[in-house]
Structure formats: C-alpha cells, structure tokens
Amino acid sequence: MINIELIISLIKDDLRNNKLINGLNKIGLKADDYYLHLSDTIFNLMGFEDNSQTDALIEYYYEYSNKVEECDFSLNSTQLDEMAEEVFERLSSIKTDHIYNKHQNI
C-alpha cells in the first residue's frame, strides 16, 4: 500500500517549490528550470496512468498549486499542511471516480 504521508509530504514540497519558483519569476530571475516536477512522482505513486484524462488532472493540480502564492506560510504553518491534504483528498476522489466510471463503461 502506498504511504499516504509520503504522498502528502511530496505535495507539500511541490507546493513550497512552486511558491518559491513563482516568487523568483515575479522578480525577474527566470527560475522555471528549477521546478522539481514532483507532480509526476505524486501521480505515479497514486496510480494515475499517463493518458488524456491525466491532462485534466494535471491542469487541476497546477491551477491549485498557484493558490500557494496567496499564502504566507511563515505566518500560518498549518495552512500548507491543509492545502496538501486538500490536494491529496481531491486527487484520491478523482482517482476513485475514474476507476468507478471506467468499470461502469465495461
């Protein structure tokens, strides 16, 4: 069984990295080459296949990841934990719905 805490930890790291890279880009440092692309590992660990349905999942993930720009983690350290758990729950829900819908079409 996949370690849920590991996945949530990777999501937190990815959110933190996205905030850093976006902040550096805003001040003109062109830091895009420093994205860690942890989402690929997260999706793999959660069992998502690489197909056209994954594109919508990736779009959701990156849109949500951009919400970290509004957060100041130095003031509220639990906010990052909550955001990571919310992302995990949403991805889990999408995975469950996708598996259910896949079996319904058989």
Protein backbone atom coordinates (compact mmCIF):
# COMPACT_ATOMS: atom_id res chain seq x y z
CA MET A 1 0.00 0.00 0.00
CA ILE A 2 1.18 3.49 -0.84
CA ASN A 3 2.26 5.57 2.12
CA ILE A 4 -0.26 8.42 2.28
CA GLU A 5 2.03 10.50 4.49
CA LEU A 6 4.77 10.26 1.85
CA ILE A 7 2.45 11.49 -0.89
CA ILE A 8 1.17 14.37 1.25
CA SER A 9 4.75 15.27 2.10
CA LEU A 10 5.64 15.33 -1.61
CA ILE A 11 2.61 17.52 -2.31
CA LYS A 12 3.74 19.94 0.43
CA ASP A 13 7.24 20.03 -1.03
CA ASP A 14 5.84 20.65 -4.50
CA LEU A 15 3.59 23.46 -3.28
CA ARG A 16 6.50 25.05 -1.43
CA ASN A 17 8.73 24.75 -4.53
CA ASN A 18 6.02 26.26 -6.74
CA LYS A 19 5.71 29.23 -4.40
CA LEU A 20 9.46 29.78 -4.45
CA ILE A 21 9.80 29.47 -8.23
CA ASN A 22 6.79 31.72 -8.90
CA GLY A 23 8.17 34.32 -6.48
CA LEU A 24 11.57 34.27 -8.13
CA ASN A 25 9.96 34.60 -11.55
CA LYS A 26 7.97 37.61 -10.36
CA ILE A 27 11.15 39.46 -9.50
CA GLY A 28 12.65 38.62 -12.88
CA LEU A 29 15.03 35.77 -12.07
CA LYS A 30 13.60 33.29 -14.62
CA ALA A 31 13.67 30.30 -12.31
CA ASP A 32 11.48 27.92 -14.35
CA ASP A 33 14.38 25.49 -14.81
CA TYR A 34 14.32 24.84 -11.06
CA TYR A 35 10.84 23.32 -10.83
CA LEU A 36 11.15 19.91 -9.21
CA HIS A 37 8.21 18.40 -11.15
CA LEU A 38 7.20 16.34 -8.14
CA SER A 39 3.70 16.08 -9.55
CA ASP A 40 4.92 13.33 -11.89
CA THR A 41 6.06 11.29 -8.89
CA ILE A 42 2.87 12.07 -6.95
CA PHE A 43 0.64 10.95 -9.84
CA ASN A 44 2.74 7.82 -10.33
CA LEU A 45 2.57 6.89 -6.62
CA MET A 46 -1.19 7.41 -6.65
CA GLY A 47 -1.56 5.09 -9.65
CA PHE A 48 -2.66 7.55 -12.30
CA GLU A 49 -1.94 6.40 -15.84
CA ASP A 50 -0.41 8.72 -18.40
CA ASN A 51 -3.32 9.33 -20.78
CA SER A 52 -5.65 12.08 -21.96
CA GLN A 53 -7.63 12.03 -18.71
CA THR A 54 -4.44 12.78 -16.85
CA ASP A 55 -4.22 16.08 -18.73
CA ALA A 56 -7.31 17.38 -16.90
CA LEU A 57 -5.85 16.14 -13.63
CA ILE A 58 -2.58 17.94 -14.27
CA GLU A 59 -4.46 21.13 -15.15
CA TYR A 60 -6.38 20.95 -11.85
CA TYR A 61 -3.17 20.30 -9.93
CA TYR A 62 -1.30 23.24 -11.41
CA GLU A 63 -4.24 25.62 -11.01
CA TYR A 64 -4.49 24.63 -7.36
CA SER A 65 -0.72 24.87 -6.91
CA ASN A 66 -0.86 28.52 -7.95
CA LYS A 67 -3.02 29.25 -4.89
CA VAL A 68 0.11 29.00 -2.75
CA GLU A 69 1.15 32.43 -3.99
CA GLU A 70 -1.58 33.93 -1.82
CA CYS A 71 -0.30 32.20 1.33
CA ASP A 72 2.28 33.33 3.82
CA PHE A 73 3.50 30.11 5.41
CA SER A 74 5.68 31.98 7.87
CA LEU A 75 2.51 33.33 9.50
CA ASN A 76 0.44 30.15 9.30
CA SER A 77 2.43 26.92 9.09
CA THR A 78 -0.68 24.73 9.20
CA GLN A 79 -2.03 26.28 6.01
CA LEU A 80 0.48 24.36 3.89
CA ASP A 81 -0.47 21.11 5.62
CA GLU A 82 -4.14 21.81 5.00
CA MET A 83 -3.55 22.64 1.35
CA ALA A 84 -1.52 19.47 0.79
CA GLU A 85 -4.17 17.33 2.45
CA GLU A 86 -6.88 19.00 0.37
CA VAL A 87 -4.96 18.27 -2.83
CA PHE A 88 -4.44 14.66 -1.77
CA GLU A 89 -8.14 14.21 -0.96
CA ARG A 90 -9.16 15.74 -4.30
CA LEU A 91 -6.72 13.55 -6.25
CA SER A 92 -7.94 10.49 -4.34
CA SER A 93 -11.53 11.42 -5.18
CA ILE A 94 -10.67 11.87 -8.85
CA LYS A 95 -8.89 8.50 -8.84
CA THR A 96 -11.84 6.76 -7.21
CA ASP A 97 -14.34 8.38 -9.58
CA HIS A 98 -12.16 7.48 -12.58
CA ILE A 99 -11.91 3.82 -11.53
CA TYR A 100 -15.65 3.66 -10.87
CA ASN A 101 -16.52 5.27 -14.20
CA LYS A 102 -14.05 3.03 -16.04
CA HIS A 103 -15.75 -0.09 -14.68
CA GLN A 104 -19.21 1.28 -15.45
CA ASN A 105 -18.30 1.54 -19.15
CA ILE A 106 -17.41 -2.17 -19.42
